[in-house]
Protein backbone atom coordinates (compact mmCIF):
# COMPACT_ATOMS: atom_id res chain seq x y z
CA MET A 1 87.68 33.01 274.91
CA ARG A 2 90.07 30.59 276.21
CA ASN A 3 93.68 31.68 277.16
CA GLU A 4 95.19 29.26 274.48
CA GLU A 5 93.30 30.49 271.77
CA LYS A 6 94.05 34.17 272.71
CA ASN A 7 97.41 33.24 272.66
CA ARG A 8 97.19 32.08 268.95
CA GLN A 9 95.78 35.15 267.76
CA LEU A 10 98.07 37.83 265.81
CA ARG A 11 96.95 41.40 267.11
CA TYR A 12 97.82 44.47 265.99
CA GLY A 13 97.02 48.11 267.21
CA SER A 14 95.08 48.32 270.63
CA ARG A 15 91.80 49.27 272.03
CA LYS A 16 93.05 52.85 272.36
CA ALA A 17 94.52 53.24 268.89
CA ASP A 18 92.70 54.27 265.57
CA LYS A 19 92.45 50.56 264.81
CA PHE A 20 92.56 47.35 266.07
CA VAL A 21 93.46 44.34 264.16
CA ARG A 22 92.82 40.62 265.50
CA CYS A 23 93.70 37.69 263.27
CA TYR A 24 92.89 33.95 264.12
CA HIS A 25 92.21 30.61 262.88
CA LYS A 26 88.63 29.88 262.79
CA PRO A 27 88.41 25.73 262.88
CA VAL A 28 84.60 25.93 262.82
CA LEU A 29 84.68 27.39 259.26
CA GLY A 30 88.08 26.25 258.00
CA VAL A 31 89.43 29.76 257.47
CA PHE A 32 91.88 32.37 259.00
CA ARG A 33 89.89 35.31 260.20
CA VAL A 34 91.17 38.64 259.83
CA GLU A 35 88.60 41.26 262.30
CA VAL A 36 89.51 45.10 261.71
CA GLU A 37 88.14 47.05 264.50
CA LEU A 38 88.19 50.61 263.29
CA HIS A 39 87.63 53.29 266.01
CA SER A 40 85.91 56.82 265.30
CA SER A 41 89.42 58.99 265.19
CA LEU A 42 90.14 56.84 262.07
CA LEU A 43 86.89 57.21 260.49
CA ARG A 44 86.64 60.87 261.35
CA GLN A 45 90.03 61.40 259.72
CA ASN A 46 88.70 59.73 256.71
CA ASP A 47 85.18 61.66 256.60
CA VAL A 48 83.42 58.50 257.23
CA SER A 49 80.28 59.62 259.15
CA THR A 50 77.21 57.52 257.54
CA LEU A 51 76.59 54.40 256.58
CA ALA A 52 76.86 55.13 252.97
CA ASP A 53 80.30 56.24 253.45
CA PHE A 54 81.24 52.29 254.46
CA THR A 55 81.57 51.47 250.89
CA ARG A 56 84.90 53.52 251.00
CA LEU A 57 86.42 51.78 253.99
CA PRO A 58 88.49 49.07 251.35
CA LYS A 59 90.32 51.70 249.96
CA ILE A 60 91.05 53.68 253.28
CA ILE A 61 92.00 50.23 254.97
CA HIS A 62 94.13 48.30 252.40
CA PRO A 63 97.05 48.53 251.93
CA LYS A 64 97.92 51.36 254.42
CA HIS A 65 96.29 50.23 257.57
CA LEU A 66 95.85 46.20 256.73
CA GLN A 67 98.67 44.68 254.62
CA PHE A 68 100.53 41.39 255.29
CA VAL A 69 104.30 41.60 254.60
CA ASP A 70 107.51 39.73 255.16
CA LEU A 71 111.19 40.77 255.32
CA ASP A 72 113.38 40.81 252.37
CA TRP A 73 115.96 39.02 254.17
CA GLU A 74 118.60 39.15 251.53
CA ARG A 75 118.69 42.85 251.01
CA LEU A 76 118.36 43.49 254.80
CA LYS A 77 121.64 41.33 255.23
CA GLU A 78 123.23 43.43 252.48
CA TYR A 79 122.34 46.79 254.03
CA LEU A 80 123.72 45.60 257.33
CA THR A 81 126.79 44.33 256.11
CA ARG A 82 127.21 47.55 254.19
CA ASN A 83 126.43 49.73 256.93
CA LEU A 84 127.83 47.68 259.98
CA GLY A 85 130.36 45.69 258.70
CA ASP A 86 131.29 42.29 261.00
CA GLU A 87 128.59 43.62 263.50
CA GLY A 88 125.97 43.13 260.38
CA ASN A 89 126.20 39.90 260.44
CA ARG A 90 125.48 39.46 264.26
CA VAL A 91 122.86 41.96 263.84
CA ASN A 92 121.36 39.83 261.15
CA ALA A 93 121.45 36.68 263.23
CA GLY A 94 119.68 38.60 266.17
CA ALA A 95 117.06 39.70 263.70
CA GLY A 96 116.62 36.13 262.21
CA ARG A 97 116.00 34.75 266.11
CA ARG A 98 113.42 37.22 266.58
CA ALA A 99 111.75 36.34 263.04
CA ASP A 100 108.74 34.87 264.56
CA SER A 101 107.58 38.31 265.42
CA MET A 102 107.59 41.09 263.21
CA ARG A 103 107.24 43.41 266.00
CA ARG A 104 110.13 41.92 267.74
CA VAL A 105 112.57 42.17 264.67
CA ARG A 106 111.32 45.95 264.21
CA ARG A 107 112.35 46.98 267.83
CA TYR A 108 115.42 44.78 267.92
CA LEU A 109 116.64 46.30 264.68
CA LEU A 110 115.67 49.96 265.65
CA ARG A 111 117.87 49.56 268.68
CA LYS A 112 120.66 48.74 266.26
CA GLY A 113 120.21 51.57 264.34
CA VAL A 114 118.00 50.31 261.56
CA VAL A 115 115.39 53.09 261.58
CA ASN A 116 113.57 52.74 258.04
CA LEU A 117 112.52 49.19 258.28
CA HIS A 118 109.55 49.64 255.69
CA ARG A 119 112.41 49.61 252.94
CA PHE A 120 112.96 45.85 253.56
CA LEU A 121 109.23 44.89 253.63
CA VAL A 122 107.60 42.87 250.66
CA PRO A 123 103.92 42.52 250.53
CA LEU A 124 102.67 38.86 250.63
CA ALA A 125 100.73 37.48 247.74
CA ILE A 126 97.32 37.08 250.10
CA ASN A 127 97.01 40.94 249.90
CA ASP A 128 95.29 40.18 246.70
CA GLU A 129 92.73 38.16 248.01
CA VAL A 130 92.46 40.59 250.88
CA ARG A 131 91.42 43.29 248.57
CA ARG A 132 89.23 41.10 246.56
CA ALA A 133 87.28 40.10 249.98
CA LEU A 134 87.38 43.89 251.32
CA ASP A 135 85.80 45.00 247.61
CA ARG A 136 83.42 42.18 247.59
CA TRP A 137 82.16 43.15 251.27
CA ALA A 138 81.71 46.78 249.86
CA ARG A 139 79.71 45.65 246.71
CA GLN A 140 77.54 43.71 249.46
CA PHE A 141 77.05 46.62 251.65
CA LYS A 142 76.14 48.92 249.01
CA GLU A 143 73.72 46.45 247.71
CA LYS A 144 71.90 45.94 251.25
CA GLU A 145 71.92 49.65 251.56
CA SER A 146 70.02 50.47 248.62
CA ARG A 147 67.30 47.88 249.19
């Protein structure tokens, strides 16, 4: 894979973590692809040990381990203003400058004392499509398994 293609990927987790997720545009197919790589520790925690257990993966993965979200910026601004006063406006602006990366926003806000960022996360509509795709995959897997 070329470096420029790697730079356009979204990645979550790591090869040494329970999971590793890669998201990228697949121009040949005209789709946005999401690859979820689950490692043995996560599978063991959820008692997935046989091929038949794979049909339970959609419920295990979504939404706990894979969910698309955005920040409720208005709610965050209200919180920052209420709790940090005048400094809240500067922190909100700093978070906005980092809005291209949820990880950067989270790290910045943690440094500023906002520890429960999940309170400001709003699930995106695409999660319904993700759930349907996972369920469709599980049904197809089950059908192939039973043959």
